N, C-alpha and C. Protein backbone atom coordinates (compact mmCIF):
# COMPACT_ATOMS: atom_id res chain seq x y z
N MET A 1 79.24 13.87 49.10
CA MET A 1 78.42 14.09 50.25
C MET A 1 78.32 12.83 51.10
N THR A 2 78.25 13.04 52.38
CA THR A 2 78.17 11.87 53.24
C THR A 2 76.76 11.72 53.79
N SER A 3 76.38 10.54 54.02
CA SER A 3 75.06 10.30 54.59
C SER A 3 75.19 10.26 56.12
N PRO A 4 74.08 10.42 56.86
CA PRO A 4 74.17 10.41 58.31
C PRO A 4 74.69 9.08 58.85
N GLN A 5 74.59 8.01 58.08
CA GLN A 5 75.05 6.71 58.51
C GLN A 5 76.50 6.46 58.13
N ASP A 6 77.13 7.42 57.43
CA ASP A 6 78.48 7.20 56.91
C ASP A 6 79.48 7.10 58.05
N PRO A 7 80.27 6.02 58.12
CA PRO A 7 81.24 5.88 59.21
C PRO A 7 82.40 6.88 59.12
N GLN A 8 82.56 7.54 58.00
CA GLN A 8 83.65 8.51 57.84
C GLN A 8 83.27 9.91 58.30
N ASP A 9 82.03 10.15 58.70
CA ASP A 9 81.56 11.47 59.09
C ASP A 9 82.17 11.86 60.45
N PRO A 10 83.08 12.91 60.49
CA PRO A 10 83.71 13.29 61.75
C PRO A 10 82.76 14.00 62.71
N TYR A 11 81.59 14.44 62.21
CA TYR A 11 80.65 15.18 63.07
C TYR A 11 79.54 14.29 63.61
N ASP A 12 79.64 13.02 63.32
CA ASP A 12 78.64 12.08 63.82
C ASP A 12 78.77 11.99 65.34
N PRO A 13 77.68 12.28 66.10
CA PRO A 13 77.78 12.24 67.57
C PRO A 13 78.22 10.89 68.10
N ALA A 14 77.97 9.86 67.40
CA ALA A 14 78.39 8.54 67.87
C ALA A 14 79.90 8.38 67.77
N ARG A 15 80.55 9.18 66.94
CA ARG A 15 81.99 9.07 66.74
C ARG A 15 82.77 10.08 67.58
N GLN A 16 82.12 10.87 68.39
CA GLN A 16 82.81 11.87 69.20
C GLN A 16 83.64 11.16 70.28
N PRO A 17 84.81 11.74 70.58
CA PRO A 17 85.63 11.11 71.63
C PRO A 17 84.93 11.25 72.98
N PRO A 18 85.28 10.40 73.91
CA PRO A 18 84.66 10.51 75.24
C PRO A 18 85.08 11.82 75.91
N PRO A 19 84.26 12.32 76.82
CA PRO A 19 84.62 13.58 77.49
C PRO A 19 85.85 13.39 78.37
N TYR A 20 86.49 14.53 78.64
CA TYR A 20 87.66 14.48 79.51
C TYR A 20 87.24 14.04 80.91
N PRO A 21 88.13 13.36 81.61
CA PRO A 21 87.76 12.94 82.97
C PRO A 21 87.68 14.15 83.89
N GLN A 22 86.87 14.03 84.90
CA GLN A 22 86.72 15.09 85.88
C GLN A 22 87.99 15.22 86.71
N ALA A 23 88.27 16.44 87.11
CA ALA A 23 89.41 16.66 88.01
C ALA A 23 89.05 16.09 89.38
N PRO A 24 90.04 15.58 90.07
CA PRO A 24 89.72 15.04 91.41
C PRO A 24 89.26 16.16 92.34
N GLN A 25 88.37 15.81 93.24
CA GLN A 25 87.88 16.77 94.22
C GLN A 25 88.98 17.09 95.22
N VAL A 26 89.08 18.38 95.56
CA VAL A 26 90.09 18.82 96.51
C VAL A 26 89.42 19.10 97.84
N ASP A 27 89.98 18.54 98.87
CA ASP A 27 89.47 18.77 100.21
C ASP A 27 89.90 20.17 100.64
N PRO A 28 88.95 21.07 100.97
CA PRO A 28 89.33 22.44 101.36
C PRO A 28 90.26 22.47 102.57
N ASN A 29 90.21 21.45 103.41
CA ASN A 29 91.10 21.41 104.57
C ASN A 29 92.54 21.11 104.17
N MET A 30 92.72 20.56 102.97
CA MET A 30 94.07 20.20 102.52
C MET A 30 94.78 21.38 101.85
N VAL A 31 94.01 22.39 101.41
CA VAL A 31 94.60 23.54 100.73
C VAL A 31 95.22 24.45 101.79
N GLN A 32 96.47 24.75 101.62
CA GLN A 32 97.17 25.58 102.59
C GLN A 32 97.76 26.80 101.91
N ALA A 33 97.82 27.88 102.66
CA ALA A 33 98.49 29.08 102.17
C ALA A 33 99.99 28.82 102.18
N PRO A 34 100.73 29.54 101.35
CA PRO A 34 102.18 29.35 101.37
C PRO A 34 102.76 29.76 102.71
N PRO A 35 103.89 29.19 103.08
CA PRO A 35 104.49 29.58 104.36
C PRO A 35 104.89 31.05 104.34
N ARG A 36 104.81 31.68 105.49
CA ARG A 36 105.15 33.11 105.59
C ARG A 36 106.65 33.28 105.43
N PRO A 37 107.08 34.09 104.47
CA PRO A 37 108.53 34.28 104.27
C PRO A 37 109.15 35.18 105.34
N LYS A 38 110.45 35.09 105.46
CA LYS A 38 111.19 35.89 106.45
C LYS A 38 111.02 37.39 106.20
N SER A 39 110.88 37.77 104.93
CA SER A 39 110.74 39.20 104.64
C SER A 39 109.45 39.77 105.22
N VAL A 40 108.38 38.97 105.26
CA VAL A 40 107.13 39.43 105.87
C VAL A 40 107.31 39.52 107.38
N ASP A 41 107.98 38.52 107.97
CA ASP A 41 108.25 38.57 109.41
C ASP A 41 109.13 39.78 109.76
N THR A 42 110.11 40.06 108.91
CA THR A 42 110.98 41.21 109.14
C THR A 42 110.19 42.51 109.04
N ALA A 43 109.33 42.62 108.02
CA ALA A 43 108.49 43.82 107.89
C ALA A 43 107.59 43.98 109.11
N PHE A 44 107.02 42.87 109.58
CA PHE A 44 106.17 42.92 110.78
C PHE A 44 106.96 43.43 111.97
N MET A 45 108.14 42.88 112.18
CA MET A 45 108.96 43.31 113.32
C MET A 45 109.34 44.79 113.19
N LEU A 46 109.65 45.23 111.99
CA LEU A 46 109.98 46.64 111.79
C LEU A 46 108.79 47.54 112.11
N TRP A 47 107.58 47.12 111.69
CA TRP A 47 106.40 47.92 112.01
C TRP A 47 106.17 47.97 113.52
N MET A 48 106.39 46.84 114.19
CA MET A 48 106.19 46.81 115.64
C MET A 48 107.25 47.67 116.35
N VAL A 49 108.49 47.62 115.87
CA VAL A 49 109.53 48.49 116.43
C VAL A 49 109.15 49.95 116.20
N ASN A 50 108.61 50.25 115.04
CA ASN A 50 108.19 51.63 114.76
C ASN A 50 107.06 52.06 115.68
N VAL A 51 106.16 51.14 116.01
CA VAL A 51 105.09 51.46 116.96
C VAL A 51 105.69 51.82 118.31
N VAL A 52 106.65 51.02 118.77
CA VAL A 52 107.29 51.29 120.07
C VAL A 52 108.04 52.62 120.02
N VAL A 53 108.76 52.86 118.93
CA VAL A 53 109.48 54.12 118.77
C VAL A 53 108.51 55.30 118.77
N GLY A 54 107.38 55.13 118.09
CA GLY A 54 106.38 56.20 118.04
C GLY A 54 105.78 56.50 119.40
N ILE A 55 105.47 55.45 120.15
CA ILE A 55 104.92 55.64 121.49
C ILE A 55 105.95 56.30 122.40
N LEU A 56 107.17 55.81 122.35
CA LEU A 56 108.24 56.39 123.17
C LEU A 56 108.47 57.85 122.81
N SER A 57 108.50 58.13 121.52
CA SER A 57 108.69 59.51 121.07
C SER A 57 107.55 60.41 121.53
N SER A 58 106.32 59.90 121.46
CA SER A 58 105.16 60.69 121.91
C SER A 58 105.22 60.97 123.41
N LEU A 59 105.59 59.95 124.18
CA LEU A 59 105.69 60.14 125.63
C LEU A 59 106.80 61.13 125.99
N LEU A 60 107.94 61.04 125.30
CA LEU A 60 109.02 61.99 125.55
C LEU A 60 108.62 63.40 125.15
N ALA A 61 107.89 63.52 124.04
CA ALA A 61 107.43 64.85 123.60
C ALA A 61 106.44 65.43 124.61
N LEU A 62 105.61 64.57 125.17
CA LEU A 62 104.67 65.02 126.19
C LEU A 62 105.42 65.49 127.44
N ALA A 63 106.46 64.75 127.82
CA ALA A 63 107.25 65.10 129.01
C ALA A 63 108.03 66.40 128.82
N SER A 64 108.44 66.69 127.60
CA SER A 64 109.26 67.89 127.36
C SER A 64 108.49 68.94 126.58
N GLN A 65 107.19 68.89 126.64
CA GLN A 65 106.36 69.80 125.87
C GLN A 65 106.62 71.27 126.22
N ASP A 66 106.77 71.59 127.51
CA ASP A 66 107.00 72.98 127.90
C ASP A 66 108.30 73.51 127.32
N ALA A 67 109.35 72.70 127.37
CA ALA A 67 110.64 73.13 126.81
C ALA A 67 110.54 73.30 125.30
N ILE A 68 109.79 72.43 124.63
CA ILE A 68 109.63 72.56 123.17
C ILE A 68 108.88 73.84 122.85
N VAL A 69 107.83 74.16 123.63
CA VAL A 69 107.06 75.37 123.40
C VAL A 69 107.93 76.61 123.62
N GLU A 70 108.70 76.62 124.70
CA GLU A 70 109.56 77.78 124.99
C GLU A 70 110.62 77.97 123.90
N GLU A 71 111.27 76.90 123.49
CA GLU A 71 112.31 77.01 122.46
C GLU A 71 111.71 77.44 121.13
N SER A 72 110.54 76.89 120.80
CA SER A 72 109.87 77.29 119.55
C SER A 72 109.48 78.76 119.60
N ALA A 73 109.00 79.21 120.75
CA ALA A 73 108.62 80.62 120.88
C ALA A 73 109.83 81.52 120.73
N ASP A 74 110.97 81.14 121.33
CA ASP A 74 112.19 81.93 121.19
C ASP A 74 112.63 82.00 119.73
N ARG A 75 112.58 80.89 119.04
CA ARG A 75 113.03 80.86 117.64
C ARG A 75 112.10 81.63 116.72
N LEU A 76 110.80 81.63 117.05
CA LEU A 76 109.84 82.34 116.22
C LEU A 76 109.69 83.80 116.61
N GLY A 77 110.22 84.16 117.76
CA GLY A 77 110.14 85.54 118.21
C GLY A 77 108.76 85.94 118.70
N VAL A 78 108.03 85.00 119.29
CA VAL A 78 106.72 85.31 119.84
C VAL A 78 106.76 85.10 121.35
N ALA A 79 105.78 85.67 122.02
CA ALA A 79 105.70 85.51 123.47
C ALA A 79 105.28 84.08 123.80
N VAL A 80 105.71 83.62 124.96
CA VAL A 80 105.38 82.25 125.37
C VAL A 80 103.88 82.08 125.53
N ASP A 81 103.17 83.15 125.95
CA ASP A 81 101.72 83.04 126.11
C ASP A 81 101.05 82.71 124.78
N GLN A 82 101.53 83.33 123.69
CA GLN A 82 100.98 83.02 122.37
C GLN A 82 101.35 81.60 121.95
N ALA A 83 102.54 81.19 122.29
CA ALA A 83 102.97 79.85 121.92
C ALA A 83 102.22 78.78 122.70
N GLU A 84 101.82 79.12 123.94
CA GLU A 84 101.11 78.13 124.76
C GLU A 84 99.73 77.82 124.21
N THR A 85 99.17 78.72 123.42
CA THR A 85 97.87 78.42 122.82
C THR A 85 97.99 77.23 121.87
N GLY A 86 99.15 77.04 121.31
CA GLY A 86 99.38 75.88 120.44
C GLY A 86 99.74 74.64 121.22
N ALA A 87 99.98 74.77 122.53
CA ALA A 87 100.36 73.61 123.33
C ALA A 87 99.22 72.62 123.44
N ALA A 88 97.98 73.12 123.50
CA ALA A 88 96.84 72.20 123.55
C ALA A 88 96.79 71.36 122.28
N GLY A 89 97.10 72.00 121.16
CA GLY A 89 97.17 71.26 119.90
C GLY A 89 98.31 70.25 119.92
N GLY A 90 99.40 70.60 120.61
CA GLY A 90 100.51 69.66 120.73
C GLY A 90 100.13 68.43 121.52
N THR A 91 99.37 68.64 122.60
CA THR A 91 98.89 67.50 123.39
C THR A 91 97.95 66.64 122.56
N ALA A 92 97.06 67.28 121.83
CA ALA A 92 96.15 66.53 120.96
C ALA A 92 96.94 65.77 119.90
N GLY A 93 97.98 66.39 119.37
CA GLY A 93 98.83 65.71 118.39
C GLY A 93 99.53 64.50 118.96
N ILE A 94 99.95 64.61 120.21
CA ILE A 94 100.62 63.48 120.86
C ILE A 94 99.63 62.33 121.08
N ILE A 95 98.43 62.67 121.52
CA ILE A 95 97.40 61.64 121.71
C ILE A 95 97.03 61.01 120.37
N PHE A 96 96.93 61.83 119.34
CA PHE A 96 96.66 61.33 117.99
C PHE A 96 97.77 60.37 117.55
N GLY A 97 99.01 60.71 117.87
CA GLY A 97 100.13 59.83 117.53
C GLY A 97 100.03 58.48 118.22
N LEU A 98 99.56 58.48 119.47
CA LEU A 98 99.38 57.22 120.19
C LEU A 98 98.28 56.37 119.55
N VAL A 99 97.20 57.01 119.12
CA VAL A 99 96.11 56.29 118.45
C VAL A 99 96.62 55.71 117.12
N ILE A 100 97.37 56.49 116.39
CA ILE A 100 97.92 56.01 115.12
C ILE A 100 98.85 54.82 115.35
N ALA A 101 99.62 54.84 116.42
CA ALA A 101 100.51 53.72 116.73
C ALA A 101 99.72 52.44 116.96
N VAL A 102 98.59 52.54 117.64
CA VAL A 102 97.74 51.36 117.86
C VAL A 102 97.17 50.86 116.53
N ILE A 103 96.76 51.77 115.67
CA ILE A 103 96.23 51.38 114.36
C ILE A 103 97.32 50.68 113.54
N PHE A 104 98.54 51.22 113.57
CA PHE A 104 99.65 50.60 112.85
C PHE A 104 99.90 49.19 113.37
N ALA A 105 99.81 48.98 114.66
CA ALA A 105 100.02 47.65 115.23
C ALA A 105 98.96 46.68 114.71
N GLY A 106 97.72 47.09 114.70
CA GLY A 106 96.65 46.23 114.17
C GLY A 106 96.85 45.90 112.70
N LEU A 107 97.24 46.90 111.92
CA LEU A 107 97.50 46.66 110.50
C LEU A 107 98.70 45.73 110.30
N ALA A 108 99.71 45.87 111.14
CA ALA A 108 100.89 45.00 111.02
C ALA A 108 100.51 43.55 111.29
N PHE A 109 99.66 43.30 112.28
CA PHE A 109 99.22 41.93 112.54
C PHE A 109 98.41 41.38 111.37
N ALA A 110 97.55 42.20 110.77
CA ALA A 110 96.78 41.76 109.61
C ALA A 110 97.69 41.48 108.43
N MET A 111 98.69 42.34 108.22
CA MET A 111 99.64 42.14 107.13
C MET A 111 100.41 40.84 107.33
N ARG A 112 100.82 40.59 108.55
CA ARG A 112 101.57 39.36 108.85
C ARG A 112 100.73 38.12 108.58
N GLY A 113 99.42 38.24 108.77
CA GLY A 113 98.52 37.14 108.50
C GLY A 113 98.22 36.92 107.02
N GLY A 114 98.75 37.79 106.16
CA GLY A 114 98.58 37.60 104.72
C GLY A 114 97.56 38.52 104.08
N ALA A 115 97.04 39.48 104.80
CA ALA A 115 96.04 40.40 104.24
C ALA A 115 96.73 41.44 103.36
N ASN A 116 96.51 41.31 102.06
CA ASN A 116 97.14 42.24 101.12
C ASN A 116 96.61 43.66 101.32
N TRP A 117 95.33 43.79 101.69
CA TRP A 117 94.76 45.12 101.92
C TRP A 117 95.53 45.83 103.03
N ALA A 118 95.94 45.08 104.06
CA ALA A 118 96.68 45.69 105.17
C ALA A 118 98.06 46.14 104.69
N ARG A 119 98.67 45.36 103.80
CA ARG A 119 99.97 45.75 103.24
C ARG A 119 99.82 47.06 102.47
N ILE A 120 98.75 47.19 101.72
CA ILE A 120 98.53 48.41 100.93
C ILE A 120 98.29 49.60 101.84
N VAL A 121 97.45 49.40 102.87
CA VAL A 121 97.16 50.50 103.81
C VAL A 121 98.44 50.91 104.54
N LEU A 122 99.23 49.92 104.98
CA LEU A 122 100.50 50.25 105.64
C LEU A 122 101.43 51.02 104.71
N THR A 123 101.44 50.65 103.44
CA THR A 123 102.29 51.35 102.48
C THR A 123 101.85 52.80 102.30
N VAL A 124 100.55 53.00 102.17
CA VAL A 124 100.04 54.37 102.00
C VAL A 124 100.30 55.20 103.25
N LEU A 125 99.94 54.65 104.41
CA LEU A 125 100.17 55.40 105.65
C LEU A 125 101.67 55.59 105.93
N GLY A 126 102.45 54.55 105.62
CA GLY A 126 103.90 54.67 105.80
C GLY A 126 104.49 55.72 104.87
N GLY A 127 104.01 55.77 103.63
CA GLY A 127 104.47 56.78 102.69
C GLY A 127 104.13 58.18 103.17
N LEU A 128 102.91 58.34 103.68
CA LEU A 128 102.54 59.65 104.25
C LEU A 128 103.39 59.96 105.47
N GLY A 129 103.66 58.95 106.28
CA GLY A 129 104.52 59.15 107.45
C GLY A 129 105.92 59.59 107.05
N LEU A 130 106.43 58.99 105.96
CA LEU A 130 107.75 59.40 105.46
C LEU A 130 107.72 60.85 104.98
N LEU A 131 106.68 61.19 104.24
CA LEU A 131 106.57 62.56 103.72
C LEU A 131 106.51 63.58 104.85
N PHE A 132 105.60 63.35 105.80
CA PHE A 132 105.48 64.30 106.91
C PHE A 132 106.68 64.23 107.84
N GLY A 133 107.28 63.06 107.95
CA GLY A 133 108.48 62.93 108.78
C GLY A 133 109.64 63.72 108.20
N LEU A 134 109.76 63.70 106.87
CA LEU A 134 110.83 64.49 106.24
C LEU A 134 110.57 65.99 106.43
N ILE A 135 109.31 66.38 106.33
CA ILE A 135 108.98 67.78 106.58
C ILE A 135 109.25 68.11 108.05
N GLY A 136 108.95 67.17 108.94
CA GLY A 136 109.15 67.37 110.36
C GLY A 136 110.60 67.47 110.78
N LEU A 137 111.50 67.08 109.89
CA LEU A 137 112.93 67.21 110.22
C LEU A 137 113.33 68.67 110.42
N MET A 138 112.49 69.60 109.98
CA MET A 138 112.79 71.02 110.19
C MET A 138 112.73 71.37 111.68
N VAL A 139 112.08 70.53 112.48
CA VAL A 139 111.95 70.78 113.92
C VAL A 139 113.17 70.26 114.67
N LEU A 140 114.03 69.51 114.02
CA LEU A 140 115.19 68.93 114.70
C LEU A 140 116.02 69.95 115.47
N PRO A 141 116.29 71.15 114.92
CA PRO A 141 117.08 72.11 115.71
C PRO A 141 116.41 72.48 117.04
N VAL A 142 115.08 72.52 117.05
CA VAL A 142 114.38 72.81 118.30
C VAL A 142 114.59 71.66 119.28
N TYR A 143 114.45 70.43 118.79
CA TYR A 143 114.64 69.27 119.66
C TYR A 143 116.05 69.25 120.24
N PHE A 144 117.04 69.45 119.40
CA PHE A 144 118.43 69.37 119.87
C PHE A 144 118.80 70.54 120.79
N ALA A 145 118.07 71.64 120.68
CA ALA A 145 118.36 72.80 121.52
C ALA A 145 117.82 72.65 122.94
N ILE A 146 116.87 71.77 123.17
CA ILE A 146 116.27 71.69 124.51
C ILE A 146 116.96 70.68 125.42
N GLY A 147 117.96 70.02 124.91
CA GLY A 147 118.72 69.13 125.79
C GLY A 147 118.58 67.66 125.45
N PHE A 148 118.84 66.84 126.47
CA PHE A 148 118.91 65.40 126.27
C PHE A 148 117.59 64.81 125.74
N LEU A 149 116.46 65.13 126.39
CA LEU A 149 115.18 64.58 125.94
C LEU A 149 114.85 65.00 124.52
N GLY A 150 115.12 66.23 124.20
CA GLY A 150 114.87 66.72 122.85
C GLY A 150 115.75 66.01 121.83
N SER A 151 117.01 65.81 122.19
CA SER A 151 117.92 65.10 121.29
C SER A 151 117.45 63.67 121.08
N LEU A 152 116.97 63.05 122.15
CA LEU A 152 116.46 61.69 122.05
C LEU A 152 115.23 61.64 121.15
N ILE A 153 114.34 62.61 121.28
CA ILE A 153 113.16 62.68 120.41
C ILE A 153 113.60 62.83 118.95
N GLY A 154 114.55 63.71 118.70
CA GLY A 154 115.04 63.92 117.34
C GLY A 154 115.63 62.65 116.75
N LEU A 155 116.43 61.94 117.54
CA LEU A 155 117.03 60.69 117.05
C LEU A 155 115.97 59.62 116.80
N LEU A 156 114.96 59.58 117.66
CA LEU A 156 113.87 58.63 117.44
C LEU A 156 113.09 58.96 116.17
N GLU A 157 112.91 60.23 115.91
CA GLU A 157 112.21 60.63 114.68
C GLU A 157 112.99 60.20 113.44
N ILE A 158 114.29 60.37 113.47
CA ILE A 158 115.13 59.94 112.34
C ILE A 158 115.08 58.42 112.20
N ALA A 159 115.18 57.72 113.33
CA ALA A 159 115.12 56.25 113.30
C ALA A 159 113.79 55.77 112.74
N SER A 160 112.72 56.45 113.09
CA SER A 160 111.39 56.08 112.60
C SER A 160 111.32 56.15 111.08
N LEU A 161 111.92 57.17 110.50
CA LEU A 161 111.91 57.30 109.04
C LEU A 161 112.63 56.12 108.38
N VAL A 162 113.76 55.74 108.94
CA VAL A 162 114.53 54.62 108.40
C VAL A 162 113.75 53.31 108.56
N ILE A 163 113.12 53.13 109.71
CA ILE A 163 112.36 51.91 109.98
C ILE A 163 111.17 51.79 109.03
N ILE A 164 110.44 52.87 108.82
CA ILE A 164 109.29 52.85 107.91
C ILE A 164 109.72 52.49 106.50
N ALA A 165 110.78 53.13 106.02
CA ALA A 165 111.26 52.85 104.66
C ALA A 165 111.66 51.38 104.53
N ALA A 166 112.36 50.85 105.51
CA ALA A 166 112.79 49.45 105.46
C ALA A 166 111.59 48.51 105.51
N ALA A 167 110.59 48.81 106.33
CA ALA A 167 109.41 47.95 106.43
C ALA A 167 108.67 47.89 105.09
N ILE A 168 108.55 49.03 104.43
CA ILE A 168 107.88 49.05 103.13
C ILE A 168 108.66 48.22 102.12
N VAL A 169 109.97 48.34 102.12
CA VAL A 169 110.80 47.56 101.18
C VAL A 169 110.62 46.06 101.44
N PHE A 170 110.65 45.64 102.69
CA PHE A 170 110.51 44.22 103.01
C PHE A 170 109.12 43.69 102.65
N MET A 171 108.09 44.53 102.74
CA MET A 171 106.74 44.08 102.39
C MET A 171 106.60 43.82 100.89
N PHE A 172 107.48 44.39 100.07
CA PHE A 172 107.33 44.26 98.63
C PHE A 172 108.47 43.48 97.97
N ARG A 173 109.21 42.71 98.74
CA ARG A 173 110.21 41.83 98.15
C ARG A 173 109.50 40.73 97.38
N ALA A 174 110.21 40.05 96.49
CA ALA A 174 109.60 39.04 95.62
C ALA A 174 108.89 37.95 96.42
N GLU A 175 109.54 37.44 97.46
CA GLU A 175 108.91 36.36 98.24
C GLU A 175 107.69 36.88 99.01
N SER A 176 107.72 38.15 99.39
CA SER A 176 106.56 38.73 100.04
C SER A 176 105.40 38.86 99.05
N ASN A 177 105.69 39.31 97.85
CA ASN A 177 104.66 39.43 96.82
C ASN A 177 103.99 38.09 96.57
N HIS A 178 104.78 37.03 96.48
CA HIS A 178 104.24 35.68 96.27
C HIS A 178 103.33 35.28 97.44
N TYR A 179 103.77 35.57 98.63
CA TYR A 179 102.99 35.23 99.82
C TYR A 179 101.64 35.94 99.81
N PHE A 180 101.63 37.24 99.52
CA PHE A 180 100.37 37.98 99.53
C PHE A 180 99.48 37.60 98.35
N LYS A 181 100.08 37.22 97.25
CA LYS A 181 99.31 36.81 96.08
C LYS A 181 98.57 35.51 96.33
N HIS A 182 99.18 34.61 97.10
CA HIS A 182 98.59 33.29 97.31
C HIS A 182 97.96 33.10 98.68
N SER A 183 97.87 34.16 99.46
CA SER A 183 97.25 34.03 100.79
C SER A 183 95.78 34.34 100.72
């Protein structure tokens, strides 16, 4: 047994090693987020191109709305008067599309700034856009049947699907993940 005065006692408080030194203080102004990688910039540009494509597509759809209604009525075998009741919904849909384009632009700016929540929201909305866009491809024959403007709308819709998919891929590349993790 050892006595409290025993120099061999490892639990004697007088024999404890000195505490570890304190870590140096870090100036909050010196801490920087990692530089934004090219993949995030590319995703941002793709989202902005998609916004422009969406606005252009909405404006073209608004300009050719009567032809779309007539062609849809012919294909469905209903009178144009019945089809025109859905035209008000088409106008509302076009306005809704313009509002969504503005929201996407705001989210793209937040994502570019390093907001991971914006990346997640863009992914969810982009995924829904892909799903509904693929379903919307069933309307392509109507677009192509009404002439040049309709064909342009159809091609813009296809381009939008490709752009959305590419933007999502670029947002989740390894360097992008690192950027959002440390921002």
